[in-house]
């Protein structure tokens, strides 16, 4: 599991927030982001996270990633984060995190221009459009500044009900499936044939945001047993970025 701005009930928020977005520039700042990830993924969602340091979500990809963080300037706390793996660093580490869950062979030709995002989360007290917009604006600026053309990541759906909601949601995504040449294949497929696919289920906010922006779903979901989620591989060609999103995040006037 990776890119999952978690879906818990929103808390009451102060009227004003003084938030900023930027990249972590020190080990201390990266550690803050990793502690936030652990708090949300292990503490709130019950994920099994092997870690060398208690209360810290770390893996072999972290040293190769850039860590985008939203900070509350009043308290100094990191309240949201994304980690970003560039094409060059994906080559250095031997591949993308997504390749643990999916066969990405059909995306091979995109690799020199393809960025992976993951481990997306926001502190419960800050789950608002403002925080998520800052993360997306920072991400969009990174893509634009570095002239990357494709964004990939996993969007996660809870399997708290055994996977029936995930199967039901996936059935409704036909219009969002990628062309066949961009299809990926799960290494541990969600057993769709054994699950109900007729239940009412709401799209997770992060997945909904990706689809509204113009992203593709690249095929059947994978089951991530550590996070107990169904993960969908998302591909966002920047050329498909919805005009409203482009104007908001990139400042396009077209």
C-alpha atoms as a PDB file:
ATOM      1  CA  UNK A   1       0.000   0.000   0.000  1.00  0.00           C
ATOM      2  CA  UNK A   2       1.162   3.465  -0.623  1.00  0.00           C
ATOM      3  CA  UNK A   3      -0.776   6.459  -1.732  1.00  0.00           C
ATOM      4  CA  UNK A   4      -3.704   6.552   0.863  1.00  0.00           C
ATOM      5  CA  UNK A   5      -4.829   9.823   2.417  1.00  0.00           C
ATOM      6  CA  UNK A   6      -6.693   7.958   5.087  1.00  0.00           C
ATOM      7  CA  UNK A   7     -10.434   8.163   5.438  1.00  0.00           C
ATOM      8  CA  UNK A   8     -11.478   8.645   9.016  1.00  0.00           C
ATOM      9  CA  UNK A   9     -14.157  10.957  10.282  1.00  0.00           C
ATOM     10  CA  UNK A  10     -13.149  14.582  10.003  1.00  0.00           C
ATOM     11  CA  UNK A  11     -12.539  16.463  13.229  1.00  0.00           C
ATOM     12  CA  UNK A  12     -13.538  20.003  14.044  1.00  0.00           C
ATOM     13  CA  UNK A  13     -10.855  22.362  12.806  1.00  0.00           C
ATOM     14  CA  UNK A  14      -9.807  25.822  13.880  1.00  0.00           C
ATOM     15  CA  UNK A  15     -10.996  28.610  11.614  1.00  0.00           C
ATOM     16  CA  UNK A  16      -7.479  29.529  10.569  1.00  0.00           C
ATOM     17  CA  UNK A  17      -4.478  27.436   9.653  1.00  0.00           C
ATOM     18  CA  UNK A  18      -1.020  28.686   8.823  1.00  0.00           C
ATOM     19  CA  UNK A  19       0.189  25.881   6.563  1.00  0.00           C
ATOM     20  CA  UNK A  20       3.186  25.659   4.264  1.00  0.00           C
ATOM     21  CA  UNK A  21       4.392  23.017   1.828  1.00  0.00           C
ATOM     22  CA  UNK A  22       7.922  22.092   0.801  1.00  0.00           C
ATOM     23  CA  UNK A  23      10.475  19.302   0.739  1.00  0.00           C
ATOM     24  CA  UNK A  24      12.072  17.901   3.862  1.00  0.00           C
ATOM     25  CA  UNK A  25      15.675  19.147   3.843  1.00  0.00           C
ATOM     26  CA  UNK A  26      17.130  17.319   6.828  1.00  0.00           C
ATOM     27  CA  UNK A  27      17.088  13.884   8.443  1.00  0.00           C
ATOM     28  CA  UNK A  28      15.067  15.368  11.295  1.00  0.00           C
ATOM     29  CA  UNK A  29      12.346  16.565   8.928  1.00  0.00           C
ATOM     30  CA  UNK A  30      12.225  13.201   7.139  1.00  0.00           C
ATOM     31  CA  UNK A  31      11.938  11.476  10.508  1.00  0.00           C
ATOM     32  CA  UNK A  32       8.953  13.686  11.365  1.00  0.00           C
ATOM     33  CA  UNK A  33       7.222  12.573   8.162  1.00  0.00           C
ATOM     34  CA  UNK A  34       8.009   8.928   8.903  1.00  0.00           C
ATOM     35  CA  UNK A  35       6.579   9.235  12.413  1.00  0.00           C
ATOM     36  CA  UNK A  36       3.386  10.728  10.990  1.00  0.00           C
ATOM     37  CA  UNK A  37       3.147   7.829   8.541  1.00  0.00           C
ATOM     38  CA  UNK A  38       3.533   5.301  11.348  1.00  0.00           C
ATOM     39  CA  UNK A  39       0.953   7.053  13.495  1.00  0.00           C
ATOM     40  CA  UNK A  40      -1.614   6.907  10.708  1.00  0.00           C
ATOM     41  CA  UNK A  41      -0.887   3.621   8.959  1.00  0.00           C
ATOM     42  CA  UNK A  42      -0.071   1.495  12.022  1.00  0.00           C
ATOM     43  CA  UNK A  43      -1.844   3.427  14.778  1.00  0.00           C
ATOM     44  CA  UNK A  44      -5.083   4.312  12.980  1.00  0.00           C
ATOM     45  CA  UNK A  45      -5.358   1.711  10.232  1.00  0.00           C
ATOM     46  CA  UNK A  46      -3.693  -1.260  11.905  1.00  0.00           C
ATOM     47  CA  UNK A  47      -1.091  -1.902   9.206  1.00  0.00           C
ATOM     48  CA  UNK A  48       1.742  -4.303  10.006  1.00  0.00           C
ATOM     49  CA  UNK A  49       4.857  -2.208   9.489  1.00  0.00           C
ATOM     50  CA  UNK A  50       8.231  -3.835  10.074  1.00  0.00           C
ATOM     51  CA  UNK A  51      10.485  -1.114  11.425  1.00  0.00           C
ATOM     52  CA  UNK A  52      13.898  -0.866  13.010  1.00  0.00           C
ATOM     53  CA  UNK A  53      12.891   2.157  15.052  1.00  0.00           C
ATOM     54  CA  UNK A  54       9.721   2.078  17.193  1.00  0.00           C
ATOM     55  CA  UNK A  55       7.034   4.477  16.005  1.00  0.00           C
ATOM     56  CA  UNK A  56       8.761   5.175  12.683  1.00  0.00           C
ATOM     57  CA  UNK A  57       7.647   3.933   9.244  1.00  0.00           C
ATOM     58  CA  UNK A  58      10.817   3.325   7.230  1.00  0.00           C
ATOM     59  CA  UNK A  59      11.692   1.117   4.287  1.00  0.00           C
ATOM     60  CA  UNK A  60      14.461   0.690   1.732  1.00  0.00           C
ATOM     61  CA  UNK A  61      12.887   3.233  -0.630  1.00  0.00           C
ATOM     62  CA  UNK A  62      12.934   6.171   1.785  1.00  0.00           C
ATOM     63  CA  UNK A  63      16.608   7.120   1.302  1.00  0.00           C
ATOM     64  CA  UNK A  64      15.987   7.352  -2.460  1.00  0.00           C
ATOM     65  CA  UNK A  65      12.832   9.454  -2.177  1.00  0.00           C
ATOM     66  CA  UNK A  66      12.134  13.129  -1.744  1.00  0.00           C
ATOM     67  CA  UNK A  67       9.671  13.798   1.050  1.00  0.00           C
ATOM     68  CA  UNK A  68       7.058  16.477   0.437  1.00  0.00           C
ATOM     69  CA  UNK A  69       5.637  17.786   3.710  1.00  0.00           C
ATOM     70  CA  UNK A  70       2.907  20.156   4.833  1.00  0.00           C
ATOM     71  CA  UNK A  71       3.773  21.902   8.074  1.00  0.00           C
ATOM     72  CA  UNK A  72       1.649  23.835  10.535  1.00  0.00           C
ATOM     73  CA  UNK A  73       3.768  26.944  10.966  1.00  0.00           C
ATOM     74  CA  UNK A  74       2.088  27.763  14.274  1.00  0.00           C
ATOM     75  CA  UNK A  75       3.024  24.498  15.970  1.00  0.00           C
ATOM     76  CA  UNK A  76       5.913  23.461  13.719  1.00  0.00           C
ATOM     77  CA  UNK A  77       4.372  19.998  13.261  1.00  0.00           C
ATOM     78  CA  UNK A  78       4.436  18.021  10.022  1.00  0.00           C
ATOM     79  CA  UNK A  79       0.753  17.341   9.302  1.00  0.00           C
ATOM     80  CA  UNK A  80       0.828  15.843   5.805  1.00  0.00           C
ATOM     81  CA  UNK A  81       3.304  14.074   3.555  1.00  0.00           C
ATOM     82  CA  UNK A  82       3.924  12.427   0.201  1.00  0.00           C
ATOM     83  CA  UNK A  83       7.099  10.658  -0.804  1.00  0.00           C
ATOM     84  CA  UNK A  84       8.309  10.997  -4.377  1.00  0.00           C
ATOM     85  CA  UNK A  85      10.574   8.591  -6.272  1.00  0.00           C
ATOM     86  CA  UNK A  86      12.164  10.044  -9.396  1.00  0.00           C
ATOM     87  CA  UNK A  87      13.007   7.939 -12.475  1.00  0.00           C
ATOM     88  CA  UNK A  88      16.758   8.201 -11.770  1.00  0.00           C
ATOM     89  CA  UNK A  89      16.388   7.098  -8.172  1.00  0.00           C
ATOM     90  CA  UNK A  90      14.002   4.297  -9.126  1.00  0.00           C
ATOM     91  CA  UNK A  91      16.778   2.999 -11.364  1.00  0.00           C
ATOM     92  CA  UNK A  92      19.285   3.244  -8.508  1.00  0.00           C
ATOM     93  CA  UNK A  93      17.105   1.294  -6.059  1.00  0.00           C
ATOM     94  CA  UNK A  94      16.200  -1.268  -8.726  1.00  0.00           C
ATOM     95  CA  UNK A  95      12.611  -0.307  -9.469  1.00  0.00           C
ATOM     96  CA  UNK A  96       9.470   1.351  -8.194  1.00  0.00           C
ATOM     97  CA  UNK A  97       7.702   0.448  -4.959  1.00  0.00           C
ATOM     98  CA  UNK A  98       4.637  -0.438  -7.060  1.00  0.00           C
ATOM     99  CA  UNK A  99       6.590  -3.289  -8.604  1.00  0.00           C
ATOM    100  CA  UNK A 100       6.241  -5.181  -5.337  1.00  0.00           C
ATOM    101  CA  UNK A 101       2.523  -5.347  -6.104  1.00  0.00           C
ATOM    102  CA  UNK A 102       2.265  -5.154  -9.893  1.00  0.00           C
ATOM    103  CA  UNK A 103       4.047  -6.250 -13.052  1.00  0.00           C
ATOM    104  CA  UNK A 104       4.735  -2.905 -14.761  1.00  0.00           C
ATOM    105  CA  UNK A 105       6.190  -4.338 -17.975  1.00  0.00           C
ATOM    106  CA  UNK A 106       3.780  -2.422 -20.199  1.00  0.00           C
ATOM    107  CA  UNK A 107       4.927   0.861 -18.656  1.00  0.00           C
ATOM    108  CA  UNK A 108       8.572   0.107 -19.396  1.00  0.00           C
ATOM    109  CA  UNK A 109       8.849   2.707 -22.154  1.00  0.00           C
ATOM    110  CA  UNK A 110       7.585   5.444 -19.821  1.00  0.00           C
ATOM    111  CA  UNK A 111      10.219   4.925 -17.101  1.00  0.00           C
ATOM    112  CA  UNK A 112      12.603   7.752 -18.086  1.00  0.00           C
ATOM    113  CA  UNK A 113       9.747  10.251 -17.578  1.00  0.00           C
ATOM    114  CA  UNK A 114       7.733   8.481 -14.849  1.00  0.00           C
ATOM    115  CA  UNK A 115       7.607   9.570 -11.196  1.00  0.00           C
ATOM    116  CA  UNK A 116       6.144   7.435  -8.417  1.00  0.00           C
ATOM    117  CA  UNK A 117       4.285   8.842  -5.422  1.00  0.00           C
ATOM    118  CA  UNK A 118       3.370   6.983  -2.268  1.00  0.00           C
ATOM    119  CA  UNK A 119       2.939   6.885   1.522  1.00  0.00           C
ATOM    120  CA  UNK A 120       0.479   9.754   1.303  1.00  0.00           C
ATOM    121  CA  UNK A 121      -1.168  10.696   4.578  1.00  0.00           C
ATOM    122  CA  UNK A 122      -2.601  13.632   6.492  1.00  0.00           C
ATOM    123  CA  UNK A 123      -2.993  14.023  10.257  1.00  0.00           C
ATOM    124  CA  UNK A 124      -6.593  13.543  11.397  1.00  0.00           C
ATOM    125  CA  UNK A 125      -6.905  17.147  12.611  1.00  0.00           C
ATOM    126  CA  UNK A 126      -5.903  18.482   9.187  1.00  0.00           C
ATOM    127  CA  UNK A 127      -7.927  16.377   6.766  1.00  0.00           C
ATOM    128  CA  UNK A 128      -9.295  19.244   4.775  1.00  0.00           C
ATOM    129  CA  UNK A 129      -9.216  20.384   1.192  1.00  0.00           C
ATOM    130  CA  UNK A 130      -6.602  22.985   2.091  1.00  0.00           C
ATOM    131  CA  UNK A 131      -4.019  20.459   3.276  1.00  0.00           C
ATOM    132  CA  UNK A 132      -4.529  18.072   0.380  1.00  0.00           C
ATOM    133  CA  UNK A 133      -4.459  20.962  -2.096  1.00  0.00           C
ATOM    134  CA  UNK A 134      -1.077  22.048  -0.750  1.00  0.00           C
ATOM    135  CA  UNK A 135       0.317  18.540  -1.211  1.00  0.00           C
ATOM    136  CA  UNK A 136      -1.012  18.364  -4.745  1.00  0.00           C
ATOM    137  CA  UNK A 137       0.284  21.836  -5.576  1.00  0.00           C
ATOM    138  CA  UNK A 138       3.753  20.854  -4.342  1.00  0.00           C
ATOM    139  CA  UNK A 139       3.604  17.674  -6.389  1.00  0.00           C
ATOM    140  CA  UNK A 140       2.412  19.479  -9.522  1.00  0.00           C
ATOM    141  CA  UNK A 141       5.226  22.024  -9.205  1.00  0.00           C
ATOM    142  CA  UNK A 142       7.754  19.195  -8.861  1.00  0.00           C
ATOM    143  CA  UNK A 143       6.469  17.533 -12.045  1.00  0.00           C
ATOM    144  CA  UNK A 144       6.483  20.826 -13.950  1.00  0.00           C
ATOM    145  CA  UNK A 145       9.909  21.990 -12.742  1.00  0.00           C
ATOM    146  CA  UNK A 146      11.526  18.653 -13.630  1.00  0.00           C
ATOM    147  CA  UNK A 147       9.577  18.164 -16.867  1.00  0.00           C
ATOM    148  CA  UNK A 148       8.315  14.719 -15.997  1.00  0.00           C
ATOM    149  CA  UNK A 149       5.351  13.463 -18.011  1.00  0.00           C
ATOM    150  CA  UNK A 150       3.860  10.571 -16.035  1.00  0.00           C
ATOM    151  CA  UNK A 151       2.872   9.997 -12.446  1.00  0.00           C
ATOM    152  CA  UNK A 152       2.185   6.567 -10.949  1.00  0.00           C
ATOM    153  CA  UNK A 153       1.113   5.348  -7.552  1.00  0.00           C
ATOM    154  CA  UNK A 154      -1.220   3.000  -5.737  1.00  0.00           C
ATOM    155  CA  UNK A 155      -4.634   4.114  -4.536  1.00  0.00           C
ATOM    156  CA  UNK A 156      -5.847   1.993  -1.651  1.00  0.00           C
ATOM    157  CA  UNK A 157      -9.327   0.780  -0.722  1.00  0.00           C
ATOM    158  CA  UNK A 158      -9.973  -0.624   2.742  1.00  0.00           C
ATOM    159  CA  UNK A 159     -10.704  -4.336   3.015  1.00  0.00           C
ATOM    160  CA  UNK A 160     -12.231  -4.104   6.478  1.00  0.00           C
ATOM    161  CA  UNK A 161     -15.323  -5.867   5.082  1.00  0.00           C
ATOM    162  CA  UNK A 162     -13.280  -8.647   3.481  1.00  0.00           C
ATOM    163  CA  UNK A 163     -12.943  -6.932   0.102  1.00  0.00           C
ATOM    164  CA  UNK A 164     -16.569  -6.749  -1.073  1.00  0.00           C
ATOM    165  CA  UNK A 165     -16.602  -2.931  -1.153  1.00  0.00           C
ATOM    166  CA  UNK A 166     -13.329  -2.904  -3.095  1.00  0.00           C
ATOM    167  CA  UNK A 167     -14.700  -5.368  -5.655  1.00  0.00           C
ATOM    168  CA  UNK A 168     -17.906  -3.346  -5.948  1.00  0.00           C
ATOM    169  CA  UNK A 169     -15.983  -0.109  -6.500  1.00  0.00           C
ATOM    170  CA  UNK A 170     -13.701  -1.655  -9.086  1.00  0.00           C
ATOM    171  CA  UNK A 171     -16.676  -2.889 -11.116  1.00  0.00           C
ATOM    172  CA  UNK A 172     -17.825   0.724 -11.469  1.00  0.00           C
ATOM    173  CA  UNK A 173     -14.492   1.980 -12.823  1.00  0.00           C
ATOM    174  CA  UNK A 174     -14.759   0.709 -16.410  1.00  0.00           C
ATOM    175  CA  UNK A 175     -14.815   4.255 -17.791  1.00  0.00           C
ATOM    176  CA  UNK A 176     -11.556   5.024 -15.979  1.00  0.00           C
ATOM    177  CA  UNK A 177      -9.542   2.009 -17.133  1.00  0.00           C
ATOM    178  CA  UNK A 178      -6.386   2.708 -19.079  1.00  0.00           C
ATOM    179  CA  UNK A 179      -5.846   1.709 -22.700  1.00  0.00           C
ATOM    180  CA  UNK A 180      -4.627  -1.887 -22.978  1.00  0.00           C
ATOM    181  CA  UNK A 181      -1.047  -0.787 -23.639  1.00  0.00           C
ATOM    182  CA  UNK A 182      -0.884   0.676 -20.107  1.00  0.00           C
ATOM    183  CA  UNK A 183      -2.338  -2.313 -18.260  1.00  0.00           C
ATOM    184  CA  UNK A 184      -0.469  -3.763 -15.274  1.00  0.00           C
ATOM    185  CA  UNK A 185      -0.955  -7.120 -13.580  1.00  0.00           C
ATOM    186  CA  UNK A 186      -1.256  -7.719  -9.826  1.00  0.00           C
ATOM    187  CA  UNK A 187       1.207 -10.145  -8.271  1.00  0.00           C
ATOM    188  CA  UNK A 188      -1.302 -11.007  -5.517  1.00  0.00           C
ATOM    189  CA  UNK A 189      -4.681 -10.378  -7.176  1.00  0.00           C
ATOM    190  CA  UNK A 190      -7.772  -9.521  -5.207  1.00  0.00           C
ATOM    191  CA  UNK A 191     -10.028 -12.600  -5.711  1.00  0.00           C
ATOM    192  CA  UNK A 192     -12.748 -10.683  -7.537  1.00  0.00           C
ATOM    193  CA  UNK A 193     -14.711 -13.803  -8.534  1.00  0.00           C
ATOM    194  CA  UNK A 194     -15.145 -14.757  -4.878  1.00  0.00           C
ATOM    195  CA  UNK A 195     -16.377 -11.330  -3.770  1.00  0.00           C
ATOM    196  CA  UNK A 196     -19.652  -9.472  -4.089  1.00  0.00           C
ATOM    197  CA  UNK A 197     -19.544  -6.620  -6.589  1.00  0.00           C
ATOM    198  CA  UNK A 198     -23.029  -5.164  -6.187  1.00  0.00           C
ATOM    199  CA  UNK A 199     -22.670  -3.248  -2.930  1.00  0.00           C
ATOM    200  CA  UNK A 200     -22.993   0.534  -2.580  1.00  0.00           C
ATOM    201  CA  UNK A 201     -19.544   1.871  -1.753  1.00  0.00           C
ATOM    202  CA  UNK A 202     -18.007   5.324  -1.733  1.00  0.00           C
ATOM    203  CA  UNK A 203     -14.773   6.062  -3.544  1.00  0.00           C
ATOM    204  CA  UNK A 204     -11.906   6.935  -1.181  1.00  0.00           C
ATOM    205  CA  UNK A 205     -11.175  10.683  -1.400  1.00  0.00           C
ATOM    206  CA  UNK A 206      -7.674  10.211  -2.813  1.00  0.00           C
ATOM    207  CA  UNK A 207      -8.822   7.847  -5.568  1.00  0.00           C
ATOM    208  CA  UNK A 208     -11.727  10.170  -6.362  1.00  0.00           C
ATOM    209  CA  UNK A 209      -9.298  13.074  -6.663  1.00  0.00           C
ATOM    210  CA  UNK A 210      -6.990  11.154  -9.002  1.00  0.00           C
ATOM    211  CA  UNK A 211      -9.854  10.162 -11.283  1.00  0.00           C
ATOM    212  CA  UNK A 212     -11.271  13.681 -11.396  1.00  0.00           C
ATOM    213  CA  UNK A 213      -7.837  14.975 -12.326  1.00  0.00           C
ATOM    214  CA  UNK A 214      -7.731  12.607 -15.313  1.00  0.00           C
ATOM    215  CA  UNK A 215      -5.827   9.553 -14.053  1.00  0.00           C
ATOM    216  CA  UNK A 216      -6.230   6.046 -15.404  1.00  0.00           C
ATOM    217  CA  UNK A 217      -6.779   2.866 -13.395  1.00  0.00           C
ATOM    218  CA  UNK A 218      -4.353   0.383 -14.946  1.00  0.00           C
ATOM    219  CA  UNK A 219      -6.206  -2.871 -14.287  1.00  0.00           C
ATOM    220  CA  UNK A 220      -7.301  -5.301 -11.597  1.00  0.00           C
ATOM    221  CA  UNK A 221      -6.582  -4.574  -7.934  1.00  0.00           C
ATOM    222  CA  UNK A 222      -3.858  -6.204  -5.880  1.00  0.00           C
ATOM    223  CA  UNK A 223      -4.296  -7.324  -2.293  1.00  0.00           C
ATOM    224  CA  UNK A 224      -1.775  -5.872   0.151  1.00  0.00           C
ATOM    225  CA  UNK A 225      -1.911  -8.144   3.213  1.00  0.00           C
ATOM    226  CA  UNK A 226       0.305  -5.916   5.386  1.00  0.00           C
ATOM    227  CA  UNK A 227      -2.065  -2.963   5.054  1.00  0.00           C
ATOM    228  CA  UNK A 228      -5.160  -5.124   4.408  1.00  0.00           C
ATOM    229  CA  UNK A 229      -6.107  -2.991   1.432  1.00  0.00           C
ATOM    230  CA  UNK A 230      -7.003  -3.496  -2.194  1.00  0.00           C
ATOM    231  CA  UNK A 231      -4.599  -1.385  -4.238  1.00  0.00           C
ATOM    232  CA  UNK A 232      -5.217   0.031  -7.690  1.00  0.00           C
ATOM    233  CA  UNK A 233      -2.342   1.101  -9.897  1.00  0.00           C
ATOM    234  CA  UNK A 234      -2.918   4.679 -11.031  1.00  0.00           C
ATOM    235  CA  UNK A 235      -1.276   6.318 -14.048  1.00  0.00           C
ATOM    236  CA  UNK A 236      -1.568  10.070 -14.548  1.00  0.00           C
ATOM    237  CA  UNK A 237      -0.236  11.359 -17.878  1.00  0.00           C
ATOM    238  CA  UNK A 238       0.296  15.054 -17.252  1.00  0.00           C
ATOM    239  CA  UNK A 239      -1.112  15.715 -20.732  1.00  0.00           C
ATOM    240  CA  UNK A 240      -4.478  14.425 -19.435  1.00  0.00           C
ATOM    241  CA  UNK A 241      -4.572  16.676 -16.403  1.00  0.00           C
ATOM    242  CA  UNK A 242      -8.054  18.117 -16.114  1.00  0.00           C
ATOM    243  CA  UNK A 243      -8.108  21.842 -17.023  1.00  0.00           C
ATOM    244  CA  UNK A 244      -9.564  22.868 -13.673  1.00  0.00           C
ATOM    245  CA  UNK A 245      -6.779  21.054 -11.848  1.00  0.00           C
ATOM    246  CA  UNK A 246      -4.144  22.448 -14.198  1.00  0.00           C
ATOM    247  CA  UNK A 247      -5.290  26.013 -13.572  1.00  0.00           C
ATOM    248  CA  UNK A 248      -5.426  25.497  -9.811  1.00  0.00           C
ATOM    249  CA  UNK A 249      -2.120  23.679  -9.333  1.00  0.00           C
ATOM    250  CA  UNK A 250      -0.016  24.735 -12.309  1.00  0.00           C
ATOM    251  CA  UNK A 251      -1.365  28.195 -13.029  1.00  0.00           C
ATOM    252  CA  UNK A 252      -2.215  27.358 -16.655  1.00  0.00           C
ATOM    253  CA  UNK A 253      -4.310  29.982 -18.382  1.00  0.00           C
ATOM    254  CA  UNK A 254      -5.335  27.939 -21.442  1.00  0.00           C
END
